[in-house]
C-alpha atoms as a PDB file:
ATOM      1  CA  MET A   1     128.682 126.676 157.387  1.00  0.00           C
ATOM      2  CA  THR A   2     127.485 129.559 154.772  1.00  0.00           C
ATOM      3  CA  VAL A   3     123.715 130.172 154.141  1.00  0.00           C
ATOM      4  CA  SER A   4     122.856 132.143 151.163  1.00  0.00           C
ATOM      5  CA  ILE A   5     120.723 135.155 151.398  1.00  0.00           C
ATOM      6  CA  LEU A   6     118.958 134.339 148.500  1.00  0.00           C
ATOM      7  CA  ALA A   7     117.893 131.022 149.699  1.00  0.00           C
ATOM      8  CA  SER A   8     115.785 133.217 152.632  1.00  0.00           C
ATOM      9  CA  THR A   9     114.838 136.030 150.552  1.00  0.00           C
ATOM     10  CA  GLN A  10     112.139 135.150 148.161  1.00  0.00           C
ATOM     11  CA  ILE A  11     112.952 137.622 144.920  1.00  0.00           C
ATOM     12  CA  GLU A  12     109.647 138.722 143.086  1.00  0.00           C
ATOM     13  CA  TYR A  13     109.814 138.860 139.430  1.00  0.00           C
ATOM     14  CA  PRO A  14     106.662 140.225 138.173  1.00  0.00           C
ATOM     15  CA  GLU A  15     104.988 139.188 134.999  1.00  0.00           C
ATOM     16  CA  ALA A  16     103.328 142.457 134.355  1.00  0.00           C
ATOM     17  CA  ASP A  17     103.677 146.064 134.829  1.00  0.00           C
ATOM     18  CA  GLY A  18     100.049 146.830 134.989  1.00  0.00           C
ATOM     19  CA  LEU A  19     100.126 149.461 132.015  1.00  0.00           C
ATOM     20  CA  PRO A  20      98.341 148.720 128.579  1.00  0.00           C
ATOM     21  CA  MET A  21     100.764 147.695 125.729  1.00  0.00           C
ATOM     22  CA  ALA A  22     101.319 150.702 123.338  1.00  0.00           C
ATOM     23  CA  LYS A  23     101.102 149.227 120.359  1.00  0.00           C
ATOM     24  CA  SER A  24      98.845 150.264 117.134  1.00  0.00           C
ATOM     25  CA  ASP A  25      97.239 147.588 115.325  1.00  0.00           C
ATOM     26  CA  PHE A  26      99.932 147.534 112.965  1.00  0.00           C
ATOM     27  CA  GLN A  27     102.626 146.883 115.530  1.00  0.00           C
ATOM     28  CA  ARG A  28     100.757 144.142 117.100  1.00  0.00           C
ATOM     29  CA  ASP A  29      99.814 142.508 113.851  1.00  0.00           C
ATOM     30  CA  TYR A  30     103.604 142.597 112.931  1.00  0.00           C
ATOM     31  CA  LEU A  31     104.662 141.276 116.576  1.00  0.00           C
ATOM     32  CA  MET A  32     102.325 138.441 115.989  1.00  0.00           C
ATOM     33  CA  ALA A  33     103.573 137.691 112.701  1.00  0.00           C
ATOM     34  CA  ALA A  34     106.735 137.630 113.871  1.00  0.00           C
ATOM     35  CA  VAL A  35     106.671 135.248 116.597  1.00  0.00           C
ATOM     36  CA  LYS A  36     104.445 132.948 114.472  1.00  0.00           C
ATOM     37  CA  VAL A  37     106.770 133.063 111.383  1.00  0.00           C
ATOM     38  CA  LEU A  38     110.123 132.002 114.077  1.00  0.00           C
ATOM     39  CA  GLU A  39     107.828 129.538 115.784  1.00  0.00           C
ATOM     40  CA  ILE A  40     107.164 128.075 112.172  1.00  0.00           C
ATOM     41  CA  HIS A  41     110.894 128.158 111.651  1.00  0.00           C
ATOM     42  CA  PHE A  42     112.006 126.396 114.585  1.00  0.00           C
ATOM     43  CA  GLN A  43     109.055 124.224 114.737  1.00  0.00           C
ATOM     44  CA  ASN A  44     111.385 120.918 114.616  1.00  0.00           C
ATOM     45  CA  ARG A  45     113.851 122.421 117.444  1.00  0.00           C
ATOM     46  CA  PRO A  46     112.877 121.211 120.927  1.00  0.00           C
ATOM     47  CA  ASP A  47     115.605 123.151 122.093  1.00  0.00           C
ATOM     48  CA  VAL A  48     114.602 126.963 120.641  1.00  0.00           C
ATOM     49  CA  TYR A  49     112.198 129.021 122.647  1.00  0.00           C
ATOM     50  CA  VAL A  50     110.550 132.007 120.683  1.00  0.00           C
ATOM     51  CA  SER A  51     108.294 134.602 122.237  1.00  0.00           C
ATOM     52  CA  GLY A  52     107.657 138.222 122.341  1.00  0.00           C
ATOM     53  CA  ASN A  53     106.230 140.995 124.600  1.00  0.00           C
ATOM     54  CA  LEU A  54     107.494 138.548 127.503  1.00  0.00           C
ATOM     55  CA  PHE A  55     109.794 140.257 130.525  1.00  0.00           C
ATOM     56  CA  ILE A  56     113.278 139.055 130.445  1.00  0.00           C
ATOM     57  CA  TYR A  57     115.005 139.179 133.514  1.00  0.00           C
ATOM     58  CA  TYR A  58     118.678 139.231 133.272  1.00  0.00           C
ATOM     59  CA  GLU A  59     120.239 139.737 136.440  1.00  0.00           C
ATOM     60  CA  GLU A  60     119.835 136.870 139.083  1.00  0.00           C
ATOM     61  CA  GLY A  61     118.385 138.277 142.139  1.00  0.00           C
ATOM     62  CA  ASN A  62     117.424 141.560 141.034  1.00  0.00           C
ATOM     63  CA  SER A  63     113.816 142.223 139.421  1.00  0.00           C
ATOM     64  CA  GLN A  64     114.774 145.624 138.416  1.00  0.00           C
ATOM     65  CA  PRO A  65     116.899 145.086 135.150  1.00  0.00           C
ATOM     66  CA  VAL A  66     114.161 143.948 132.838  1.00  0.00           C
ATOM     67  CA  VAL A  67     113.357 143.981 129.248  1.00  0.00           C
ATOM     68  CA  ALA A  68     110.399 143.151 126.957  1.00  0.00           C
ATOM     69  CA  PRO A  69     111.293 142.873 123.531  1.00  0.00           C
ATOM     70  CA  ASP A  70     108.524 142.594 120.666  1.00  0.00           C
ATOM     71  CA  THR A  71     110.153 139.420 119.447  1.00  0.00           C
ATOM     72  CA  PHE A  72     112.847 137.229 120.700  1.00  0.00           C
ATOM     73  CA  VAL A  73     114.569 133.658 120.272  1.00  0.00           C
ATOM     74  CA  VAL A  74     116.497 131.841 122.696  1.00  0.00           C
ATOM     75  CA  LEU A  75     118.739 128.904 121.227  1.00  0.00           C
ATOM     76  CA  GLY A  76     119.399 125.842 123.990  1.00  0.00           C
ATOM     77  CA  VAL A  77     116.417 125.938 126.289  1.00  0.00           C
ATOM     78  CA  GLU A  78     113.169 123.585 126.396  1.00  0.00           C
ATOM     79  CA  LYS A  79     110.412 124.887 124.198  1.00  0.00           C
ATOM     80  CA  HIS A  80     107.398 125.553 126.709  1.00  0.00           C
ATOM     81  CA  GLN A  81     105.394 128.386 127.506  1.00  0.00           C
ATOM     82  CA  ARG A  82     106.572 130.666 130.484  1.00  0.00           C
ATOM     83  CA  ARG A  83     105.207 133.545 132.324  1.00  0.00           C
ATOM     84  CA  SER A  84     108.747 135.567 132.286  1.00  0.00           C
ATOM     85  CA  TYR A  85     112.146 134.531 130.897  1.00  0.00           C
ATOM     86  CA  LYS A  86     115.041 134.516 133.503  1.00  0.00           C
ATOM     87  CA  THR A  87     118.563 134.350 131.999  1.00  0.00           C
END
């Protein structure tokens, strides 16, 4: 019988890095507008998730590889609010 190490070890995926967003008012406004326009464009698609400035963890079991793009769209996933996104 094999036991997964991940099953017994809890990996922490932080939701914030403790640093303020380094954005100007203009950058912030464009970021928010881009997310809103994409949400409107995909509003009738329950399988499209739109967000921005959210941590994306892309290596299972490892919280170090992380990005936080200004805006992103994920096709084929349930649309709901998240604290971070894990691929």
